[in-house]
Amino acid sequence: MNVRVKFLGGAGTVTGSKYLLEIDGAKILIDCGLFQGEKELRLRNWDEFPLDPAEIDAVVLTHAHIDHSGYLPKLVKKGYNKSIYCTHPTAALTEILLMDSAKLQEEEANYAAKKGYSKHAAPQPLYNTDDAQNVLPKLESIEFNQPINILDRVKINFLNAGHILGASILEVYLEGSTQTKKLTFSGDLGRMEDPILYPPHLCTETDILFIESTYGDRSNPSDHIKEALKEVVLKTVERSGCLLIPAFAVGRTQLITNLIKSLQEKNEIPMLPIYIDSPMAINTTNLYRKFEAFHQLKDTDNDPSNHSAFDAQNIHYYKAQSSSLVLNTIRKGAIIISASGMCTGGRILHHMYHRLKRKNDSILFVGYQPPGTRGRKILDGEPTVKIFGEVVKVECHVESIDGLSAHADKDELHKWLLNFKSKPKNTFIIHGEKKSSEALKYFIDRDLKWNSVIPEYLKGYTLFENI
């Protein structure tokens, strides 16, 4: 058995994760993510795929985030017609995220055509809702820690990664003629001490390791979060403004809502109305209710009509577009949580269009903003941003809270790596910007004395020969 890997994404960047395993004549794609962020990266989504998708024998998802699953509709549209393996919550979340991604792309293409700000005469989405719908029958979900054969002599196993609901560390077992080898893909690792999700599984051995490096260069302490959130809310109330929070619909919205609810229950901040204005976030919250065994927030009141961790009289879930528009008329005393968290699309853009100009309002960033996104530009202090083709002044108060990321930070990555009892043959450092990947490589090379490499985009590497 000869084994190679080719990096079709997630190499030298935190986005577009796609790792192609070539095992003799078979091909397995680990993750199938969309490139996001800077235009140079986004344009890769439109490039010709490096191989015929019909040649791929299996796709395996570590989790549902769009930078790991968002290219699936295009892959299926171009000819992929086999199974897509993932955990049960990942399958449910992937359906929500892909349908939303397709809808947003359709809306953006239509709006660009209407406003005439596209360079294309008839702008088209990368894929549409029908394309996304065609992915869903191919999702084949399995339990954590239940190894299954997906191809002859190839077995996979999912372990909890703690990043989002259902996120997994992926083990791939290759049964050679003389020996069995194991590849471990960390996926996106979560926090060791998360108020909602369980900590990532601690692996002890592997032959080849693929390790994410999103926060490989910095610590991201979380002990200050509640106090920082309290301060932002109180300052906004004092100015008689509203607080706008762009938040990822998956994970971050549920965490922020729970933190605000906790502060209100302890009378540390006023009992302001909280508006969850994101159909995707609402659908995701329902999955937290459904997959209660996968997280730590248990329902304590046994009321079948709600879930004590996510429901209260002052929490309002807005699905209808008409309700969303009404929120623009509220001048003070409200907390609005909307998606997308990177301000690249969705209802948050309408809220930003109205509220960035309001000097009494605050916008609070609670997640990583990649270079090139509107959120990053606002955080970097740019005086204007473009929304719907129009230049909008940033006159509201701009706040951010670190430590809320669903990614393991530098110290947690080190702790996870130190749990290995033996040295992998090779370690590939993926899913990170240059600085963070290089910092993690320095630790791996110097402290662990392992063999590591930061792979290049579209480059292939031989893992095993004649095993």
Protein backbone atom coordinates (compact mmCIF):
# COMPACT_ATOMS: atom_id res chain seq x y z
CA MET A 1 0.00 0.00 0.00
CA ASN A 2 1.31 3.45 -1.02
CA VAL A 3 -0.19 6.54 0.61
CA ARG A 4 0.07 10.20 -0.36
CA VAL A 5 -1.63 13.40 0.78
CA LYS A 6 -2.29 16.53 -1.26
CA PHE A 7 -3.32 19.82 0.34
CA LEU A 8 -6.21 21.32 -1.62
CA GLY A 9 -6.92 23.89 1.10
CA GLY A 10 -6.29 24.66 4.75
CA ALA A 11 -2.58 25.03 3.99
CA GLY A 12 -1.02 28.39 4.82
CA THR A 13 -4.48 29.70 5.70
CA VAL A 14 -7.31 29.04 8.16
CA THR A 15 -9.89 28.41 5.48
CA GLY A 16 -10.86 26.07 2.65
CA SER A 17 -9.86 22.83 4.42
CA LYS A 18 -9.51 19.96 1.93
CA TYR A 19 -7.00 17.12 2.31
CA LEU A 20 -6.83 14.48 -0.40
CA LEU A 21 -5.59 11.05 0.62
CA GLU A 22 -4.47 8.83 -2.24
CA ILE A 23 -4.27 5.20 -1.12
CA ASP A 24 -3.06 3.10 -4.03
CA GLY A 25 -5.90 3.69 -6.51
CA ALA A 26 -8.41 5.02 -3.99
CA LYS A 27 -9.03 8.67 -3.14
CA ILE A 28 -10.52 10.03 0.10
CA LEU A 29 -11.21 13.72 0.69
CA ILE A 30 -10.95 14.81 4.31
CA ASP A 31 -13.13 17.91 4.69
CA CYS A 32 -14.48 19.88 1.76
CA GLY A 33 -14.37 23.51 2.82
CA LEU A 34 -15.11 26.80 1.14
CA PHE A 35 -12.41 29.45 1.00
CA GLN A 36 -13.45 32.58 2.91
CA GLY A 37 -11.87 35.92 3.77
CA GLU A 38 -9.57 37.75 1.36
CA LYS A 39 -10.62 37.99 -2.28
CA GLU A 40 -7.51 36.11 -3.42
CA LEU A 41 -8.65 33.13 -1.35
CA ARG A 42 -12.33 33.39 -2.28
CA LEU A 43 -11.44 33.27 -5.97
CA ARG A 44 -10.05 29.76 -5.44
CA ASN A 45 -13.64 28.56 -5.01
CA TRP A 46 -14.18 29.33 -8.68
CA ASP A 47 -11.03 27.58 -9.91
CA GLU A 48 -11.25 24.24 -11.68
CA PHE A 49 -11.13 21.52 -9.02
CA PRO A 50 -7.70 19.79 -9.07
CA LEU A 51 -9.22 16.41 -9.95
CA ASP A 52 -12.44 14.99 -11.32
CA PRO A 53 -14.81 14.79 -8.30
CA ALA A 54 -16.25 11.57 -9.75
CA GLU A 55 -12.86 9.93 -9.05
CA ILE A 56 -13.19 10.49 -5.28
CA ASP A 57 -14.27 7.34 -3.40
CA ALA A 58 -15.32 8.91 -0.08
CA VAL A 59 -15.57 12.25 1.71
CA VAL A 60 -15.17 12.56 5.47
CA LEU A 61 -16.09 15.69 7.45
CA THR A 62 -14.50 16.60 10.76
CA HIS A 63 -17.27 19.14 11.43
CA ALA A 64 -19.91 21.30 9.78
CA HIS A 65 -18.35 24.77 9.60
CA ILE A 66 -18.47 26.18 6.08
CA ASP A 67 -14.67 26.36 5.80
CA HIS A 68 -14.78 22.55 6.22
CA SER A 69 -18.05 21.64 4.45
CA GLY A 70 -19.06 24.56 2.24
CA TYR A 71 -17.62 23.29 -1.05
CA LEU A 72 -19.71 20.09 -0.94
CA PRO A 73 -22.53 21.40 -3.19
CA LYS A 74 -20.00 22.32 -5.89
CA LEU A 75 -18.26 18.94 -5.51
CA VAL A 76 -21.54 17.05 -5.92
CA LYS A 77 -22.61 19.32 -8.78
CA LYS A 78 -19.35 18.44 -10.55
CA GLY A 79 -19.90 14.69 -10.26
CA TYR A 80 -19.22 13.38 -6.74
CA ASN A 81 -21.88 10.75 -6.01
CA LYS A 82 -20.75 8.68 -3.02
CA SER A 83 -21.06 8.85 0.77
CA ILE A 84 -20.09 11.78 3.00
CA TYR A 85 -19.22 10.49 6.48
CA CYS A 86 -19.63 12.54 9.68
CA THR A 87 -21.14 12.44 13.17
CA HIS A 88 -24.90 12.73 13.80
CA PRO A 89 -24.84 16.40 14.96
CA THR A 90 -22.50 17.28 12.09
CA ALA A 91 -24.97 15.88 9.56
CA ALA A 92 -27.78 17.96 11.06
CA LEU A 93 -25.65 21.10 11.22
CA THR A 94 -24.28 20.60 7.71
CA GLU A 95 -27.81 20.66 6.34
CA ILE A 96 -28.49 23.97 8.08
CA LEU A 97 -25.21 25.58 7.08
CA LEU A 98 -25.19 24.46 3.45
CA MET A 99 -28.76 25.58 2.81
CA ASP A 100 -27.96 28.93 4.41
CA SER A 101 -24.72 29.28 2.44
CA ALA A 102 -26.53 28.60 -0.83
CA LYS A 103 -29.32 31.01 0.03
CA LEU A 104 -26.86 33.78 0.90
CA GLN A 105 -24.98 33.26 -2.36
CA GLU A 106 -28.20 33.42 -4.35
CA GLU A 107 -29.26 36.60 -2.54
CA GLU A 108 -25.87 38.24 -2.99
CA ALA A 109 -25.83 37.43 -6.72
CA ASN A 110 -29.37 38.79 -7.14
CA TYR A 111 -28.59 41.93 -5.16
CA ALA A 112 -25.38 42.53 -7.12
CA ALA A 113 -27.35 42.23 -10.35
CA LYS A 114 -30.02 44.59 -9.07
CA LYS A 115 -27.56 47.23 -7.82
CA GLY A 116 -25.10 46.77 -10.68
CA TYR A 117 -21.97 46.61 -8.51
CA SER A 118 -20.71 43.32 -9.96
CA LYS A 119 -18.25 43.32 -12.85
CA HIS A 120 -20.32 40.48 -14.36
CA ALA A 121 -23.37 41.33 -16.44
CA ALA A 122 -25.32 38.46 -14.90
CA PRO A 123 -23.64 37.50 -11.58
CA GLN A 124 -24.17 33.89 -10.55
CA PRO A 125 -23.85 32.12 -7.19
CA LEU A 126 -21.14 29.50 -6.76
CA TYR A 127 -24.02 27.08 -6.13
CA ASN A 128 -27.73 27.34 -5.39
CA THR A 129 -30.15 25.78 -2.91
CA ASP A 130 -30.91 22.88 -5.25
CA ASP A 131 -27.18 22.08 -5.35
CA ALA A 132 -27.04 22.17 -1.54
CA GLN A 133 -30.14 19.98 -1.30
CA ASN A 134 -28.46 17.36 -3.49
CA VAL A 135 -25.71 16.92 -0.89
CA LEU A 136 -28.04 15.88 1.93
CA PRO A 137 -28.93 12.32 0.82
CA LYS A 138 -25.20 11.53 0.69
CA LEU A 139 -24.59 12.36 4.37
CA GLU A 140 -23.94 9.17 6.32
CA SER A 141 -23.69 9.83 10.05
CA ILE A 142 -22.16 7.62 12.73
CA GLU A 143 -21.50 7.72 16.48
CA PHE A 144 -18.36 8.88 18.23
CA ASN A 145 -15.86 6.09 18.87
CA GLN A 146 -17.58 3.59 16.58
CA PRO A 147 -14.97 2.65 13.93
CA ILE A 148 -16.35 1.72 10.51
CA ASN A 149 -14.84 0.56 7.24
CA ILE A 150 -15.45 3.06 4.43
CA LEU A 151 -13.26 1.36 1.81
CA ASP A 152 -11.36 -1.89 1.51
CA ARG A 153 -8.60 -1.78 4.16
CA VAL A 154 -9.58 1.75 5.25
CA LYS A 155 -11.34 2.38 8.56
CA ILE A 156 -12.32 5.68 10.19
CA ASN A 157 -13.15 6.63 13.76
CA PHE A 158 -14.53 9.89 15.17
CA LEU A 159 -13.47 11.25 18.58
CA ASN A 160 -14.83 14.35 20.29
CA ALA A 161 -12.97 17.55 19.31
CA GLY A 162 -15.00 19.96 21.46
CA HIS A 163 -15.01 22.72 18.83
CA ILE A 164 -18.71 22.89 17.92
CA LEU A 165 -21.60 20.49 18.34
CA GLY A 166 -20.54 17.16 16.82
CA ALA A 167 -17.02 18.29 15.86
CA SER A 168 -14.55 15.43 15.66
CA ILE A 169 -10.96 14.40 15.69
CA LEU A 170 -10.66 11.91 12.84
CA GLU A 171 -8.62 8.72 12.95
CA VAL A 172 -7.94 6.93 9.65
CA TYR A 173 -6.65 3.35 9.89
CA LEU A 174 -4.84 1.94 6.86
CA GLU A 175 -4.55 -1.84 6.83
CA GLY A 176 -1.45 -2.58 4.78
CA SER A 177 -0.25 -6.03 3.76
CA THR A 178 2.29 -6.12 6.61
CA GLN A 179 1.13 -3.54 9.14
CA THR A 180 -1.63 -1.07 10.05
CA LYS A 181 -0.91 2.65 10.10
CA LYS A 182 -2.95 5.43 11.69
CA LEU A 183 -3.45 8.98 10.48
CA THR A 184 -4.94 11.51 12.91
CA PHE A 185 -6.62 14.72 11.78
CA SER A 186 -7.18 17.02 14.74
CA GLY A 187 -9.97 18.86 12.95
CA ASP A 188 -10.57 22.12 14.79
CA LEU A 189 -9.82 21.51 18.46
CA GLY A 190 -12.00 23.17 21.10
CA ARG A 191 -11.22 24.64 24.51
CA MET A 192 -10.11 22.51 27.43
CA GLU A 193 -12.58 24.33 29.70
CA ASP A 194 -15.67 25.32 27.74
CA PRO A 195 -18.93 26.25 29.49
CA ILE A 196 -21.00 24.36 26.91
CA LEU A 197 -18.98 21.67 25.13
CA TYR A 198 -16.93 18.80 26.49
CA PRO A 199 -13.11 19.09 26.14
CA PRO A 200 -11.37 17.46 23.17
CA HIS A 201 -10.33 13.84 23.43
CA LEU A 202 -6.66 13.45 24.34
CA CYS A 203 -4.92 11.25 21.77
CA THR A 204 -1.83 9.28 22.73
CA GLU A 205 -0.36 7.88 19.53
CA THR A 206 -0.47 8.11 15.76
CA ASP A 207 1.81 7.53 12.80
CA ILE A 208 0.95 10.76 10.96
CA LEU A 209 -0.59 13.83 12.61
CA PHE A 210 -2.41 16.74 10.98
CA ILE A 211 -2.72 19.49 13.60
CA GLU A 212 -4.65 22.75 13.31
CA SER A 213 -2.76 25.93 14.27
CA THR A 214 -5.37 28.71 14.30
CA TYR A 215 -4.08 30.06 17.62
CA GLY A 216 -0.65 28.46 17.50
CA ASP A 217 1.07 31.75 18.33
CA ARG A 218 -1.02 33.17 21.17
CA SER A 219 -2.78 32.46 24.40
CA ASN A 220 -6.48 33.20 24.57
CA PRO A 221 -7.48 33.30 28.25
CA SER A 222 -11.18 33.15 29.02
CA ASP A 223 -11.35 34.06 32.71
CA HIS A 224 -12.13 37.72 31.95
CA ILE A 225 -15.01 37.19 29.53
CA LYS A 226 -18.01 37.76 31.79
CA GLU A 227 -16.55 40.92 33.29
CA ALA A 228 -15.66 42.29 29.84
CA LEU A 229 -19.13 41.50 28.50
CA LYS A 230 -20.73 43.14 31.53
CA GLU A 231 -18.67 46.32 30.98
CA VAL A 232 -19.66 46.61 27.30
CA VAL A 233 -23.35 46.15 28.09
CA LEU A 234 -23.33 48.70 30.93
CA LYS A 235 -21.47 51.32 28.84
CA THR A 236 -23.94 50.90 25.99
CA VAL A 237 -26.89 51.26 28.38
CA GLU A 238 -25.31 54.38 29.86
CA ARG A 239 -25.14 55.93 26.38
CA SER A 240 -28.80 54.98 25.74
CA GLY A 241 -27.78 52.84 22.79
CA CYS A 242 -28.20 49.31 21.51
CA LEU A 243 -25.60 46.56 21.46
CA LEU A 244 -25.10 44.73 18.16
CA ILE A 245 -23.21 41.43 18.30
CA PRO A 246 -22.19 39.69 15.05
CA ALA A 247 -21.95 36.05 16.10
CA PHE A 248 -21.47 32.73 14.39
CA ALA A 249 -24.83 30.98 14.28
CA VAL A 250 -23.21 27.72 15.35
CA GLY A 251 -21.76 27.76 18.84
CA ARG A 252 -21.03 31.42 19.42
CA THR A 253 -24.65 32.60 19.47
CA GLN A 254 -25.57 29.93 22.00
CA LEU A 255 -22.54 30.75 24.17
CA ILE A 256 -23.11 34.53 24.14
CA THR A 257 -26.82 34.14 24.84
CA ASN A 258 -26.04 31.89 27.80
CA LEU A 259 -23.42 34.31 29.19
CA ILE A 260 -25.76 37.32 28.94
CA LYS A 261 -28.58 35.30 30.49
CA SER A 262 -26.29 34.36 33.37
CA LEU A 263 -25.28 38.01 33.98
CA GLN A 264 -28.91 39.08 33.95
CA GLU A 265 -29.98 36.34 36.35
CA LYS A 266 -27.31 37.55 38.78
CA ASN A 267 -28.53 41.18 38.37
CA GLU A 268 -25.11 42.27 37.09
CA ILE A 269 -26.63 43.82 33.97
CA PRO A 270 -30.19 45.05 33.27
CA MET A 271 -32.82 42.61 32.03
CA LEU A 272 -32.63 43.98 28.46
CA PRO A 273 -34.46 42.18 25.67
CA ILE A 274 -32.17 39.86 23.72
CA TYR A 275 -33.06 39.42 20.05
CA ILE A 276 -31.63 36.38 18.29
CA ASP A 277 -32.04 37.49 14.69
CA SER A 278 -30.78 34.61 12.62
CA PRO A 279 -32.88 31.73 11.29
CA MET A 280 -29.75 29.60 11.15
CA ALA A 281 -28.86 30.37 14.77
CA ILE A 282 -32.40 29.51 15.83
CA ASN A 283 -32.31 26.20 13.95
CA THR A 284 -28.90 25.47 15.48
CA THR A 285 -30.16 26.22 18.97
CA ASN A 286 -32.89 23.65 18.38
CA LEU A 287 -30.16 21.10 17.65
CA TYR A 288 -28.58 21.85 21.03
CA ARG A 289 -31.93 20.89 22.49
CA LYS A 290 -32.06 17.72 20.38
CA PHE A 291 -28.46 16.56 20.91
CA GLU A 292 -28.26 17.27 24.63
CA ALA A 293 -25.86 14.35 25.23
CA PHE A 294 -23.18 16.15 23.19
CA HIS A 295 -22.91 19.19 25.49
CA GLN A 296 -22.96 20.18 29.15
CA LEU A 297 -26.06 22.42 29.25
CA LYS A 298 -28.80 20.21 30.62
CA ASP A 299 -32.45 21.18 30.83
CA THR A 300 -33.33 21.74 34.48
CA ASP A 301 -37.03 22.64 34.38
CA ASN A 302 -38.33 19.66 32.36
CA ASP A 303 -40.67 21.92 30.41
CA PRO A 304 -41.10 20.32 26.95
CA SER A 305 -41.94 23.71 25.42
CA ASN A 306 -38.50 25.16 26.07
CA HIS A 307 -34.96 24.47 27.32
CA SER A 308 -33.87 26.25 30.48
CA ALA A 309 -30.40 26.98 29.07
CA PHE A 310 -31.70 28.82 26.00
CA ASP A 311 -35.11 30.22 26.87
CA ALA A 312 -36.33 33.11 29.03
CA GLN A 313 -39.09 35.72 28.84
CA ASN A 314 -36.68 38.38 27.54
CA ILE A 315 -35.07 36.18 24.85
CA HIS A 316 -36.78 36.61 21.48
CA TYR A 317 -36.07 34.42 18.47
CA TYR A 318 -36.77 36.20 15.15
CA LYS A 319 -37.06 34.09 12.03
CA ALA A 320 -39.22 36.31 9.82
CA GLN A 321 -37.54 38.99 7.71
CA SER A 322 -40.29 41.46 8.66
CA SER A 323 -39.46 41.05 12.36
CA SER A 324 -35.78 41.56 11.60
CA LEU A 325 -36.47 44.89 9.87
CA VAL A 326 -38.46 46.14 12.88
CA LEU A 327 -35.31 45.85 15.00
CA ASN A 328 -33.78 48.74 13.04
CA THR A 329 -36.33 51.08 14.66
CA ILE A 330 -35.20 50.29 18.23
CA ARG A 331 -33.10 53.21 19.44
CA LYS A 332 -31.95 52.03 22.87
CA GLY A 333 -31.99 49.28 25.46
CA ALA A 334 -31.66 46.15 23.33
CA ILE A 335 -29.11 43.46 22.57
CA ILE A 336 -29.21 42.15 19.00
CA ILE A 337 -27.29 38.98 18.12
CA SER A 338 -27.16 38.20 14.41
CA ALA A 339 -25.13 36.30 11.83
CA SER A 340 -22.79 36.00 10.09
CA GLY A 341 -20.03 36.30 12.66
CA MET A 342 -17.50 37.51 10.08
CA CYS A 343 -19.95 40.08 8.66
CA THR A 344 -19.62 38.56 5.21
CA GLY A 345 -23.36 38.11 4.64
CA GLY A 346 -26.70 37.52 6.27
CA ARG A 347 -28.94 39.74 8.37
CA ILE A 348 -26.03 41.26 10.29
CA LEU A 349 -25.30 43.41 7.22
CA HIS A 350 -28.67 45.14 7.45
CA HIS A 351 -28.13 45.82 11.14
CA MET A 352 -24.62 47.13 10.48
CA TYR A 353 -25.89 49.32 7.66
CA HIS A 354 -28.20 51.10 10.13
CA ARG A 355 -26.22 50.93 13.37
CA LEU A 356 -22.62 51.64 12.38
CA LYS A 357 -23.72 55.26 11.85
CA ARG A 358 -25.29 55.59 15.32
CA LYS A 359 -22.88 57.12 17.83
CA ASN A 360 -24.73 55.75 20.88
CA ASP A 361 -24.71 52.15 19.66
CA SER A 362 -21.96 49.56 20.11
CA ILE A 363 -20.82 46.72 17.89
CA LEU A 364 -19.14 43.90 19.79
CA PHE A 365 -16.97 41.34 18.00
CA VAL A 366 -16.83 38.02 19.80
CA GLY A 367 -15.03 35.90 17.22
CA TYR A 368 -12.03 35.78 14.93
CA GLN A 369 -12.22 38.18 11.97
CA PRO A 370 -10.02 36.98 9.07
CA PRO A 371 -8.08 39.47 6.96
CA GLY A 372 -10.22 40.96 4.21
CA THR A 373 -13.54 40.67 6.04
CA ARG A 374 -15.67 43.67 7.03
CA GLY A 375 -15.26 42.74 10.67
CA ARG A 376 -11.47 42.83 10.42
CA LYS A 377 -11.57 46.21 8.69
CA ILE A 378 -13.77 47.67 11.43
CA LEU A 379 -11.56 46.19 14.17
CA ASP A 380 -8.49 47.63 12.45
CA GLY A 381 -10.05 51.09 12.74
CA GLU A 382 -10.98 51.79 9.15
CA PRO A 383 -13.40 54.77 9.14
CA THR A 384 -15.72 53.28 6.51
CA VAL A 385 -16.79 49.90 5.17
CA LYS A 386 -18.72 48.96 2.07
CA ILE A 387 -22.12 47.32 2.61
CA PHE A 388 -24.48 46.52 -0.27
CA GLY A 389 -22.19 48.47 -2.57
CA GLU A 390 -22.45 51.64 -0.45
CA VAL A 391 -19.80 53.27 1.73
CA VAL A 392 -20.95 53.34 5.37
CA LYS A 393 -19.26 55.41 8.09
CA VAL A 394 -18.21 53.64 11.29
CA GLU A 395 -19.32 56.04 14.02
CA CYS A 396 -20.60 53.62 16.67
CA HIS A 397 -18.40 52.28 19.48
CA VAL A 398 -16.31 49.30 18.39
CA GLU A 399 -15.61 46.66 21.04
CA SER A 400 -14.13 43.18 21.03
CA ILE A 401 -13.72 40.38 23.54
CA ASP A 402 -10.97 37.82 23.12
CA GLY A 403 -11.14 34.40 24.68
CA LEU A 404 -14.51 33.40 23.23
CA SER A 405 -13.03 31.50 20.33
CA ALA A 406 -14.09 27.89 19.94
CA HIS A 407 -10.48 27.07 18.98
CA ALA A 408 -7.87 25.77 21.38
CA ASP A 409 -5.27 28.46 22.05
CA LYS A 410 -1.49 28.06 22.08
CA ASP A 411 -1.34 26.63 25.59
CA GLU A 412 -4.18 24.19 24.92
CA LEU A 413 -2.61 23.05 21.65
CA HIS A 414 0.66 22.43 23.50
CA LYS A 415 -1.16 20.48 26.23
CA TRP A 416 -2.97 18.38 23.62
CA LEU A 417 0.27 17.59 21.79
CA LEU A 418 2.15 16.79 25.01
CA ASN A 419 -0.31 13.99 25.69
CA PHE A 420 1.16 11.88 22.86
CA LYS A 421 3.28 9.07 24.29
CA SER A 422 5.29 8.47 21.13
CA LYS A 423 6.61 10.58 18.28
CA PRO A 424 4.61 10.57 15.02
CA LYS A 425 6.55 9.79 11.86
CA ASN A 426 5.56 13.24 10.60
CA THR A 427 3.36 16.13 11.71
CA PHE A 428 1.64 18.47 9.24
CA ILE A 429 0.74 21.90 10.62
CA ILE A 430 -2.44 23.07 8.93
CA HIS A 431 -5.36 25.52 9.28
CA GLY A 432 -3.37 28.56 10.37
CA GLU A 433 -1.98 31.83 9.12
CA LYS A 434 1.77 31.94 8.59
CA LYS A 435 2.70 33.42 11.96
CA SER A 436 0.61 31.01 14.02
CA SER A 437 1.71 27.94 12.04
CA GLU A 438 5.37 28.90 12.36
CA ALA A 439 5.01 29.43 16.11
CA LEU A 440 3.47 25.98 16.57
CA LYS A 441 6.17 24.44 14.38
CA TYR A 442 8.84 26.05 16.57
CA PHE A 443 7.31 24.41 19.65
CA ILE A 444 6.97 21.02 17.95
CA ASP A 445 10.53 21.06 16.58
CA ARG A 446 12.24 22.52 19.66
CA ASP A 447 10.30 21.11 22.61
CA LEU A 448 8.84 17.88 21.26
CA LYS A 449 11.67 17.18 18.81
CA TRP A 450 9.22 15.81 16.25
CA ASN A 451 9.42 16.02 12.47
CA SER A 452 7.03 18.73 11.27
CA VAL A 453 6.22 20.58 8.09
CA ILE A 454 3.98 23.48 7.13
CA PRO A 455 2.56 22.22 3.83
CA GLU A 456 2.06 24.37 0.76
CA TYR A 457 -1.21 24.79 -1.10
CA LEU A 458 -1.69 22.11 -3.79
CA LYS A 459 1.52 20.34 -2.84
CA GLY A 460 1.61 16.56 -2.39
CA TYR A 461 3.60 14.50 0.10
CA THR A 462 4.33 10.77 0.34
CA LEU A 463 3.26 9.33 3.70
CA PHE A 464 3.99 5.60 3.31
CA GLU A 465 5.43 3.30 0.67
CA ASN A 466 4.90 -0.44 0.40
CA ILE A 467 3.26 -0.96 3.77
